[in-house]
Structures are given as structure tokens and as C-alpha cells.
């Protein structure tokens, strides 16, 4: 049965969207009007490399069995959808029209699968050790999440690395690292039935008889997506330096023993919260993957481009580590550097002529 999935965010969201379209499901991408018009006119193009192939293949939405449309936040009819994918950067949810849409989604009690790096607050409330912690400071506007029932929100570790090539139109996405989306289950079996249907349908997709990477994998454990935190704190946020941004490879391999110490510390925090070591990704495997990540992280690129806000998983992990009584000087230093760079941009932005 074809499901109707609403995905907020047409950039990274188009990767999950394309996988769903290939599996015969229908997808609506929520984005700005100019991008929506472009997608409704031309569709999307996701470039992905199949196993043992040297070149990326372009997968066009117009060639796929599922139906794609794009819509602005104000024009969404939430009654049409079975599930929502949250694929915008966390600060984007503070936009007024997006906030209004989020209120409608919460009121409709639609299950929400987040593929953001920043875990939605209601998902964190599902973890007993975090339910009572004061973590709102890490969010651009924590009130966005107030109306959501925790059991209706889950997190999917956004491990696949992808970016919009700057020279291309806004409907093109290039996948650099085609790993899997690893999702925790919802609280309700009814919603998990849909999630596992999507998992099986995506898994069955082939292209010219070949398997297509970037699967959706569903886990009963709430902690599987937290494995991404070690990667983000070791690589992504350390791409932000007091000067120019560095690549993820350089952030990780510039001082491998320091990187391993940070990675292990964050893994230890996840275990204190209840994670099983089996939920986590070994440092050696991450370090190997980081060798091919030759660009700065999206967070570092955003800061360099003058963004006043970015997703702050670094600050979230700092707040958790301090409230667990297990702080890390390295993590505190990373947070300080990110704060400093964001403040620089705000000061520069505020002092320029209109």
C-alpha cells in the first residue's frame, strides 16, 4: 500500500524522499516557494554511487513509481499524511510559518521521524535519564516542541552524508557517503507497523538489478541514533576552528589520539544514559569513514557563511555531560569555539550598513 509521507526540508529530505519514491510511496517536500515551484516543475535529482561503481548515478524523481510534490508550509494539509519526516536544520523550525505547521502536526498526532542531527526534545523525554534534565538552552527555540507527545516522535541517525552542489539548482543533492538511516522505534505498535513497512519496501528496491544503498533500518533501542553524537563531537563540530573551517578528515585525523579520547568520552555518556555498547559504532570504523570526508561539515560551512544559528548538538552533549557529573574539557572547548564564531558573525552582521 502506498503511504503518504510529509517531509519538512527539501535538501537533505530529498534523499529519504527519493528512497521512499523508489519504493512506491508518495512524498511531499516542504520548502520555500521558489524551491517548491522548481521541484513541481522539474522534480528532484539525487546523485548516488552504487556499490562497486566508480561514477555517481543520477536518480530523477520523475522516473520513480511514487508521486512527488513540493509545498510551502502554509499550504500543507496535514490530514493527507501517514507520517512526517523532520529534515530541516533545527533553527529553521523557528520560522513563523513552519512553527504554525508544527502546531498542526502535533495536534493531528502524526508520528514524526526526525533525520536531524539535533534530536527533537520530545524524543529525549523518552529516555528516562534525560526526561528531567534542563536541556532547552541547546535549542534555538525549545517551545517549538512543547505540543508534541514524546511517544509520537523518534530519531533517525542521519549518517548518510549529502550536500547540495553550490553550482547546481536547489533540486539537486549529491550523496558523498551512502550509509544507512538508523531509526529508533515509536512508542506505539501501530506507528511501528508503518515504519517497518517503509523499511522493508526501501530494502527491496533495486536499480538495474543492483542493490541501492542508503537503507532505513529500524531498531527497538532508543539509543542507536545516539551513536551519531560521538561522530558529531569528534568530527563535525571540530571543523569549526577559531580561523577557517577544516574538513572532517582533518578534524579527526589531525590528532587521532585526541579524537579517539573525545569519541570514547561521548560514547561513555551514551552508555551512562542506558546505551548498550552494541548500539555504538567503533571509533576505528568512524575514523576510516572520515578519511573520505574532504569537506567541512554543514555546521562549519553554515558558520563560515554567516549563519547566526546552527544546530547545537555540541552544547546539548555538554549540558548532558555536566548534569551527569561527567564533563569533558575538550567538549567544553569545542562549545566555546562555536559560541565565539557565532558571536563574531552576529557582531559583524549587526555592524554592517543596511
Protein backbone atom coordinates (compact mmCIF):
# COMPACT_ATOMS: atom_id res chain seq x y z
CA UNK A 1 0.00 0.00 0.00
CA UNK A 2 1.37 3.41 -0.95
CA UNK A 3 1.88 5.62 2.11
CA UNK A 4 1.82 9.42 2.03
CA UNK A 5 4.82 10.96 3.75
CA UNK A 6 5.33 14.66 4.50
CA UNK A 7 9.00 15.69 4.73
CA UNK A 8 9.96 19.10 6.12
CA UNK A 9 13.12 20.16 4.30
CA UNK A 10 13.75 19.60 0.60
CA UNK A 11 17.56 19.43 0.65
CA UNK A 12 18.61 16.51 2.88
CA UNK A 13 14.94 15.47 2.93
CA UNK A 14 15.09 14.68 -0.78
CA UNK A 15 17.44 11.74 -0.02
CA UNK A 16 14.92 9.97 2.24
CA UNK A 17 12.19 11.18 -0.15
CA UNK A 18 13.88 9.57 -3.15
CA UNK A 19 14.27 6.26 -1.32
CA UNK A 20 10.55 6.33 -0.45
CA UNK A 21 9.58 7.24 -4.04
CA UNK A 22 11.70 4.35 -5.35
CA UNK A 23 9.72 2.07 -3.03
CA UNK A 24 6.41 3.32 -4.46
CA UNK A 25 5.37 5.70 -1.67
CA UNK A 26 4.21 9.29 -2.17
CA UNK A 27 6.20 12.21 -0.79
CA UNK A 28 5.52 15.90 -0.23
CA UNK A 29 8.58 18.08 0.41
CA UNK A 30 8.00 21.24 2.46
CA UNK A 31 10.21 24.13 1.40
CA UNK A 32 10.29 27.78 0.28
CA UNK A 33 8.05 28.81 -2.61
CA UNK A 34 10.87 29.22 -5.18
CA UNK A 35 12.20 25.73 -4.40
CA UNK A 36 8.67 24.25 -4.37
CA UNK A 37 7.95 25.75 -7.80
CA UNK A 38 11.24 24.34 -9.15
CA UNK A 39 10.56 20.84 -7.76
CA UNK A 40 6.95 20.82 -9.00
CA UNK A 41 8.23 21.84 -12.44
CA UNK A 42 11.35 19.66 -12.75
CA UNK A 43 11.32 17.14 -9.88
CA UNK A 44 14.42 16.28 -7.86
CA UNK A 45 17.77 14.72 -8.76
CA UNK A 46 19.72 12.70 -6.19
CA UNK A 47 23.22 11.55 -7.17
CA UNK A 48 24.29 8.34 -5.50
CA UNK A 49 27.03 5.80 -6.09
CA UNK A 50 26.05 2.12 -6.25
CA UNK A 51 28.40 -0.48 -4.79
CA UNK A 52 31.47 -1.20 -6.93
CA UNK A 53 30.63 1.61 -9.39
CA UNK A 54 33.08 4.46 -9.94
CA UNK A 55 30.59 7.14 -11.00
CA UNK A 56 27.54 8.55 -9.26
CA UNK A 57 24.17 7.80 -10.86
CA UNK A 58 21.50 10.46 -11.10
CA UNK A 59 18.12 9.30 -9.79
CA UNK A 60 15.32 11.56 -11.04
CA UNK A 61 12.03 11.68 -9.14
CA UNK A 62 10.06 11.84 -12.39
CA UNK A 63 11.25 8.31 -13.27
CA UNK A 64 10.14 6.73 -9.96
CA UNK A 65 6.91 4.89 -9.10
CA UNK A 66 5.93 7.13 -6.18
CA UNK A 67 4.45 10.61 -6.66
CA UNK A 68 6.40 13.70 -5.55
CA UNK A 69 5.12 17.19 -4.92
CA UNK A 70 6.54 20.20 -3.08
CA UNK A 71 4.60 22.64 -0.96
CA UNK A 72 5.15 25.70 1.23
CA UNK A 73 4.48 25.32 4.99
CA UNK A 74 1.31 27.42 4.80
CA UNK A 75 -0.22 25.17 2.11
CA UNK A 76 0.17 21.79 3.83
CA UNK A 77 -3.00 19.79 4.53
CA UNK A 78 -1.83 17.51 7.38
CA UNK A 79 -4.88 15.22 7.02
CA UNK A 80 -3.34 13.75 3.83
CA UNK A 81 -0.36 12.10 5.55
CA UNK A 82 0.54 8.89 7.39
CA UNK A 83 3.89 10.07 8.76
CA UNK A 84 6.12 13.14 8.92
CA UNK A 85 9.88 13.30 8.28
CA UNK A 86 11.71 16.17 10.01
CA UNK A 87 14.70 17.01 7.80
CA UNK A 88 15.23 20.74 8.32
CA UNK A 89 18.10 22.13 10.38
CA UNK A 90 16.82 22.73 13.92
CA UNK A 91 16.96 26.58 13.76
CA UNK A 92 14.63 26.55 10.73
CA UNK A 93 11.71 25.36 12.88
CA UNK A 94 11.59 28.82 14.49
CA UNK A 95 10.34 30.33 11.19
CA UNK A 96 6.77 31.51 11.83
CA UNK A 97 5.06 29.54 9.03
CA UNK A 98 7.00 26.39 9.98
CA UNK A 99 6.03 26.81 13.65
CA UNK A 100 2.36 27.07 12.66
CA UNK A 101 2.73 23.86 10.60
CA UNK A 102 4.43 22.12 13.56
CA UNK A 103 1.43 23.05 15.77
CA UNK A 104 -0.89 21.43 13.19
CA UNK A 105 1.30 18.28 13.01
CA UNK A 106 1.33 17.96 16.81
CA UNK A 107 -2.46 18.48 17.00
CA UNK A 108 -3.02 15.81 14.31
CA UNK A 109 -0.91 13.37 16.39
CA UNK A 110 1.05 12.31 13.32
CA UNK A 111 4.12 10.14 14.03
CA UNK A 112 7.30 12.13 13.33
CA UNK A 113 10.61 10.61 12.23
CA UNK A 114 13.45 13.09 12.67
CA UNK A 115 16.52 12.90 10.44
CA UNK A 116 18.07 16.00 12.01
CA UNK A 117 21.41 15.85 13.80
CA UNK A 118 19.72 17.72 16.68
CA UNK A 119 17.33 15.32 18.41
CA UNK A 120 13.85 16.78 18.98
CA UNK A 121 13.21 17.47 22.67
CA UNK A 122 10.16 15.12 22.87
CA UNK A 123 12.36 12.22 21.72
CA UNK A 124 14.87 12.98 24.50
CA UNK A 125 11.98 12.91 27.01
CA UNK A 126 11.52 9.22 26.10
CA UNK A 127 14.94 8.47 27.67
CA UNK A 128 14.37 8.25 31.45
CA UNK A 129 17.80 9.66 32.41
CA UNK A 130 17.17 12.76 30.24
CA UNK A 131 13.47 13.32 30.94
CA UNK A 132 14.13 15.63 33.90
CA UNK A 133 17.25 17.38 32.61
CA UNK A 134 17.38 21.07 31.72
CA UNK A 135 18.37 20.95 28.04
CA UNK A 136 16.30 23.77 26.49
CA UNK A 137 19.34 26.08 26.25
CA UNK A 138 20.72 23.94 23.41
CA UNK A 139 17.69 24.72 21.19
CA UNK A 140 17.12 27.85 19.12
CA UNK A 141 13.53 27.85 20.41
CA UNK A 142 12.54 24.92 22.61
CA UNK A 143 8.87 25.99 22.59
CA UNK A 144 8.52 24.58 19.05
CA UNK A 145 8.43 21.10 20.63
CA UNK A 146 6.09 21.72 23.58
CA UNK A 147 2.91 20.32 21.98
CA UNK A 148 4.39 17.02 20.79
CA UNK A 149 3.73 13.76 22.62
CA UNK A 150 7.12 12.07 23.25
CA UNK A 151 5.91 8.64 22.04
CA UNK A 152 4.98 10.11 18.64
CA UNK A 153 8.50 11.43 17.98
CA UNK A 154 11.51 9.32 17.15
CA UNK A 155 15.03 9.92 15.90
CA UNK A 156 16.82 8.51 12.90
CA UNK A 157 20.59 8.82 12.91
CA UNK A 158 21.36 10.91 9.80
CA UNK A 159 24.55 9.03 8.93
CA UNK A 160 24.41 9.41 5.12
CA UNK A 161 26.47 12.45 4.12
CA UNK A 162 25.00 14.57 1.34
CA UNK A 163 25.14 18.16 0.12
CA UNK A 164 23.69 20.48 -2.48
CA UNK A 165 26.41 21.24 -5.06
CA UNK A 166 26.70 25.06 -4.95
CA UNK A 167 26.83 25.33 -8.75
CA UNK A 168 23.58 23.37 -9.19
CA UNK A 169 19.90 24.23 -8.78
CA UNK A 170 18.18 23.73 -5.42
CA UNK A 171 16.59 20.42 -6.55
CA UNK A 172 19.94 18.55 -6.81
CA UNK A 173 21.53 16.55 -3.94
CA UNK A 174 24.91 14.78 -4.10
CA UNK A 175 25.42 11.84 -1.72
CA UNK A 176 29.04 11.64 -0.53
CA UNK A 177 28.71 8.80 2.00
CA UNK A 178 25.79 6.41 1.26
CA UNK A 179 25.36 4.83 4.72
CA UNK A 180 22.04 3.88 6.37
CA UNK A 181 19.42 5.84 8.28
CA UNK A 182 19.17 4.11 11.69
CA UNK A 183 15.84 4.82 13.39
CA UNK A 184 14.56 4.08 16.86
CA UNK A 185 11.05 2.67 17.03
CA UNK A 186 8.00 4.70 18.08
CA UNK A 187 6.16 4.01 21.35
CA UNK A 188 3.05 2.70 19.54
CA UNK A 189 2.96 -0.58 17.57
CA UNK A 190 0.53 0.97 15.06
CA UNK A 191 3.16 3.54 14.03
CA UNK A 192 5.96 0.97 14.09
CA UNK A 193 3.99 -1.17 11.64
CA UNK A 194 4.15 1.72 9.13
CA UNK A 195 7.84 2.38 9.90
CA UNK A 196 8.76 -1.28 9.36
CA UNK A 197 6.71 -1.37 6.15
CA UNK A 198 8.78 1.54 4.84
CA UNK A 199 11.98 -0.23 5.99
CA UNK A 200 11.06 -3.43 4.08
CA UNK A 201 9.90 -1.58 0.95
CA UNK A 202 13.09 0.51 0.76
CA UNK A 203 15.21 -2.61 1.34
CA UNK A 204 13.57 -4.38 -1.61
CA UNK A 205 14.40 -1.62 -4.15
CA UNK A 206 16.88 -2.38 -6.93
CA UNK A 207 18.21 -0.32 -9.84
CA UNK A 208 19.16 -2.25 -12.98
CA UNK A 209 19.15 -5.37 -10.80
CA UNK A 210 21.55 -3.85 -8.28
CA UNK A 211 21.00 -3.04 -4.63
CA UNK A 212 20.63 0.69 -3.88
CA UNK A 213 22.49 1.99 -0.79
CA UNK A 214 21.03 4.19 1.98
CA UNK A 215 18.51 1.94 3.71
CA UNK A 216 16.12 2.71 6.55
CA UNK A 217 16.95 0.41 9.48
CA UNK A 218 14.58 0.29 12.47
CA UNK A 219 15.78 -0.62 15.98
CA UNK A 220 13.87 -1.24 19.20
CA UNK A 221 16.59 0.53 21.20
CA UNK A 222 16.13 4.27 21.80
CA UNK A 223 19.91 4.66 21.91
CA UNK A 224 21.03 3.56 18.44
CA UNK A 225 20.77 7.11 16.94
CA UNK A 226 22.91 8.49 19.81
CA UNK A 227 25.93 6.78 18.21
CA UNK A 228 25.99 9.83 15.91
CA UNK A 229 26.83 12.12 18.85
CA UNK A 230 30.37 10.73 19.12
CA UNK A 231 30.90 11.40 15.41
CA UNK A 232 29.49 14.92 15.56
CA UNK A 233 31.59 15.93 18.57
CA UNK A 234 34.76 14.33 17.21
CA UNK A 235 34.43 15.49 13.60
CA UNK A 236 31.63 17.85 12.57
CA UNK A 237 31.84 20.45 15.33
CA UNK A 238 35.66 20.39 15.39
CA UNK A 239 35.58 21.51 11.74
CA UNK A 240 34.76 24.90 13.30
CA UNK A 241 38.07 26.46 14.32
CA UNK A 242 39.00 29.96 15.58
CA UNK A 243 40.07 30.73 11.98
CA UNK A 244 38.91 28.99 8.77
CA UNK A 245 36.83 25.79 8.75
CA UNK A 246 38.65 22.49 8.26
CA UNK A 247 37.46 19.25 6.66
CA UNK A 248 36.00 16.43 8.75
CA UNK A 249 39.01 14.31 7.75
CA UNK A 250 41.44 16.89 9.11
CA UNK A 251 39.39 17.41 12.28
CA UNK A 252 39.52 13.67 13.01
CA UNK A 253 42.97 12.70 11.66
CA UNK A 254 44.88 15.85 12.66
CA UNK A 255 45.35 14.34 16.14
CA UNK A 256 43.96 10.83 16.13
CA UNK A 257 44.56 10.05 19.82
CA UNK A 258 42.77 13.25 20.90
CA UNK A 259 39.91 12.40 18.52
CA UNK A 260 39.62 8.92 20.00
CA UNK A 261 39.55 10.36 23.55
CA UNK A 262 36.64 12.68 22.61
CA UNK A 263 34.82 9.88 20.78
CA UNK A 264 35.20 7.48 23.72
CA UNK A 265 34.04 10.13 26.21
CA UNK A 266 30.82 10.78 24.27
CA UNK A 267 30.27 7.01 23.88
CA UNK A 268 30.64 6.80 27.67
CA UNK A 269 27.96 9.47 28.15
CA UNK A 270 25.56 7.49 25.92
CA UNK A 271 26.25 4.36 27.99
CA UNK A 272 25.54 6.26 31.23
CA UNK A 273 22.16 7.19 29.73
CA UNK A 274 21.46 3.50 29.05
CA UNK A 275 23.01 2.70 25.66
CA UNK A 276 24.37 -0.77 25.05
CA UNK A 277 27.92 -0.89 23.61
CA UNK A 278 26.34 -2.85 20.70
CA UNK A 279 24.34 0.31 19.83
CA UNK A 280 27.54 2.21 19.14
CA UNK A 281 29.92 2.47 16.19
CA UNK A 282 33.59 1.60 16.88
CA UNK A 283 35.98 4.54 16.59
CA UNK A 284 38.14 2.72 14.01
CA UNK A 285 35.14 2.34 11.69
CA UNK A 286 34.27 6.04 12.04
CA UNK A 287 37.89 7.14 11.53
CA UNK A 288 38.04 5.06 8.35
CA UNK A 289 34.85 6.67 7.01
CA UNK A 290 36.18 10.14 7.94
CA UNK A 291 39.13 9.64 5.57
CA UNK A 292 36.77 10.24 2.64
CA UNK A 293 35.02 13.31 4.16
CA UNK A 294 37.07 16.02 2.48
CA UNK A 295 34.71 18.96 3.07
CA UNK A 296 33.95 20.86 6.26
CA UNK A 297 30.72 19.79 7.97
CA UNK A 298 27.45 21.53 7.12
CA UNK A 299 27.62 23.23 10.55
CA UNK A 300 31.08 24.63 9.77
CA UNK A 301 30.01 25.76 6.31
CA UNK A 302 26.95 27.48 7.79
CA UNK A 303 29.06 29.35 10.36
CA UNK A 304 31.56 30.40 7.67
CA UNK A 305 28.66 31.67 5.54
CA UNK A 306 27.46 33.90 8.38
CA UNK A 307 24.57 31.88 9.86
CA UNK A 308 23.56 33.39 13.23
CA UNK A 309 22.25 29.99 14.45
CA UNK A 310 23.19 26.36 13.81
CA UNK A 311 22.15 23.04 15.35
CA UNK A 312 23.94 22.78 18.70
CA UNK A 313 24.45 19.07 19.42
CA UNK A 314 27.82 20.14 20.89
CA UNK A 315 26.04 22.26 23.50
CA UNK A 316 23.43 19.55 24.12
CA UNK A 317 26.15 16.97 24.87
CA UNK A 318 27.95 19.49 27.10
CA UNK A 319 24.76 20.15 29.10
CA UNK A 320 24.11 16.41 29.48
CA UNK A 321 27.71 15.63 30.46
CA UNK A 322 27.74 18.35 33.14
CA UNK A 323 24.37 17.24 34.57
CA UNK A 324 25.66 13.65 34.68
CA UNK A 325 28.72 14.87 36.59
CA UNK A 326 30.98 13.72 33.74
CA UNK A 327 32.23 16.87 31.94
CA UNK A 328 34.95 16.95 29.28
CA UNK A 329 37.39 19.85 28.86
CA UNK A 330 37.64 19.04 25.13
CA UNK A 331 33.87 19.25 24.62
CA UNK A 332 33.71 22.48 26.66
CA UNK A 333 36.47 23.91 24.44
CA UNK A 334 34.56 22.96 21.26
CA UNK A 335 31.40 24.67 22.58
CA UNK A 336 33.44 27.77 23.44
CA UNK A 337 34.89 27.92 19.90
CA UNK A 338 31.45 27.52 18.30
CA UNK A 339 29.98 30.20 20.59
CA UNK A 340 32.83 32.54 19.73
CA UNK A 341 32.44 32.07 15.97
CA UNK A 342 28.66 32.54 16.09
CA UNK A 343 29.04 35.68 18.20
CA UNK A 344 31.62 37.03 15.73
CA UNK A 345 29.12 36.59 12.90
CA UNK A 346 26.34 38.28 14.87
CA UNK A 347 28.60 41.23 15.68
CA UNK A 348 29.76 41.51 12.07
CA UNK A 349 26.19 41.18 10.81
CA UNK A 350 24.95 43.83 13.22
CA UNK A 351 27.59 46.40 12.38
CA UNK A 352 27.22 46.39 8.58
CA UNK A 353 25.26 49.04 6.68
CA UNK A 354 21.79 48.07 5.53
